[in-house]
Amino acid sequence: MNKNFNQPAFPCLPIQDKFNQLVVPVPGMSKFEHFVIEIYKVHLQNAGQMNILPLTICNMAIADATLLLEQLENSTKPTENENSKLSIIQ
């Protein structure tokens, strides 16, 4: 399985300012980091009054983000039937 979680979460596009200088922003978080933070916030809210260590919540968020991204990757892959249909069309 291709675990390409290090792609930027928000791809950056080069822009040109009014002095005709090309500005290329540096991408910040990866997709994986973005999903971990979002899932961590949900787990933190759901933990509420329970005595769960933040590190435990973080580990749960990492595991959930990994599972979510793997499932998204698998659901977007074309199946064998779709591949055969595509080859007939071409």
Protein backbone atom coordinates (compact mmCIF):
# COMPACT_ATOMS: atom_id res chain seq x y z
CA MET A 1 0.00 0.00 0.00
CA ASN A 2 1.27 3.44 -0.92
CA LYS A 3 1.23 5.48 2.29
CA ASN A 4 1.84 8.93 0.90
CA PHE A 5 0.82 10.84 4.02
CA ASN A 6 3.57 13.42 3.65
CA GLN A 7 1.88 15.33 0.85
CA PRO A 8 1.01 18.89 1.84
CA ALA A 9 -2.45 19.26 3.35
CA PHE A 10 -2.90 22.58 1.59
CA PRO A 11 -0.91 22.67 -1.66
CA CYS A 12 0.65 26.04 -2.31
CA LEU A 13 0.56 27.86 -5.59
CA PRO A 14 3.19 30.34 -6.72
CA ILE A 15 1.98 33.93 -6.91
CA GLN A 16 3.41 37.08 -8.41
CA ASP A 17 3.38 40.37 -6.50
CA LYS A 18 2.97 43.87 -7.92
CA PHE A 19 6.76 44.12 -8.44
CA ASN A 20 6.68 41.04 -10.72
CA GLN A 21 8.53 38.94 -8.16
CA LEU A 22 7.54 35.31 -7.97
CA VAL A 23 6.60 34.22 -4.43
CA VAL A 24 6.34 30.53 -3.64
CA PRO A 25 5.07 29.81 -0.13
CA VAL A 26 6.47 26.83 1.73
CA PRO A 27 3.85 24.19 2.51
CA GLY A 28 3.17 23.76 6.20
CA MET A 29 1.52 20.65 7.58
CA SER A 30 1.26 17.35 5.81
CA LYS A 31 -2.07 15.61 5.29
CA PHE A 32 -1.23 13.21 8.09
CA GLU A 33 -0.39 15.98 10.57
CA HIS A 34 -3.55 17.87 9.65
CA PHE A 35 -5.77 14.83 10.21
CA VAL A 36 -4.02 13.97 13.50
CA ILE A 37 -4.63 17.46 14.86
CA GLU A 38 -8.28 17.49 13.81
CA ILE A 39 -8.93 14.03 15.28
CA TYR A 40 -6.98 14.97 18.44
CA LYS A 41 -9.31 17.94 18.98
CA VAL A 42 -12.36 15.67 18.74
CA HIS A 43 -10.87 13.08 21.10
CA LEU A 44 -9.94 15.85 23.54
CA GLN A 45 -13.51 17.18 23.55
CA ASN A 46 -14.95 13.69 23.96
CA ALA A 47 -12.57 12.85 26.81
CA GLY A 48 -14.22 15.57 28.88
CA GLN A 49 -14.11 14.59 32.54
CA MET A 50 -12.33 11.25 32.03
CA ASN A 51 -8.79 10.98 33.32
CA ILE A 52 -7.01 10.20 30.06
CA LEU A 53 -3.45 11.36 29.54
CA PRO A 54 -2.91 13.74 26.60
CA LEU A 55 -0.26 11.37 25.23
CA THR A 56 -2.82 8.56 25.17
CA ILE A 57 -5.27 10.81 23.32
CA CYS A 58 -2.51 11.73 20.87
CA ASN A 59 -1.69 8.06 20.23
CA MET A 60 -5.38 7.36 19.64
CA ALA A 61 -5.54 10.27 17.18
CA ILE A 62 -2.47 9.01 15.30
CA ALA A 63 -3.94 5.51 15.02
CA ASP A 64 -7.31 6.88 13.86
CA ALA A 65 -5.70 9.22 11.32
CA THR A 66 -3.62 6.38 9.90
CA LEU A 67 -6.70 4.18 9.59
CA LEU A 68 -8.75 6.98 8.04
CA LEU A 69 -6.13 7.87 5.43
CA GLU A 70 -5.61 4.20 4.52
CA GLN A 71 -9.36 3.74 4.08
CA LEU A 72 -9.58 6.88 1.96
CA GLU A 73 -6.70 5.67 -0.19
CA ASN A 74 -8.32 2.25 -0.66
CA SER A 75 -11.72 3.71 -1.50
CA THR A 76 -10.28 5.98 -4.19
CA LYS A 77 -8.32 3.25 -5.98
CA PRO A 78 -10.05 2.01 -9.12
CA THR A 79 -11.18 -1.58 -8.95
CA GLU A 80 -10.18 -4.23 -11.50
CA ASN A 81 -13.55 -3.89 -13.24
CA GLU A 82 -13.06 -0.14 -13.62
CA ASN A 83 -9.56 -0.70 -15.02
CA SER A 84 -10.87 -3.12 -17.64
CA LYS A 85 -13.62 -0.65 -18.64
CA LEU A 86 -11.06 2.11 -18.99
CA SER A 87 -8.85 0.00 -21.23
CA ILE A 88 -11.77 -0.74 -23.56
CA ILE A 89 -12.59 2.94 -23.89
CA GLN A 90 -9.02 3.84 -24.73
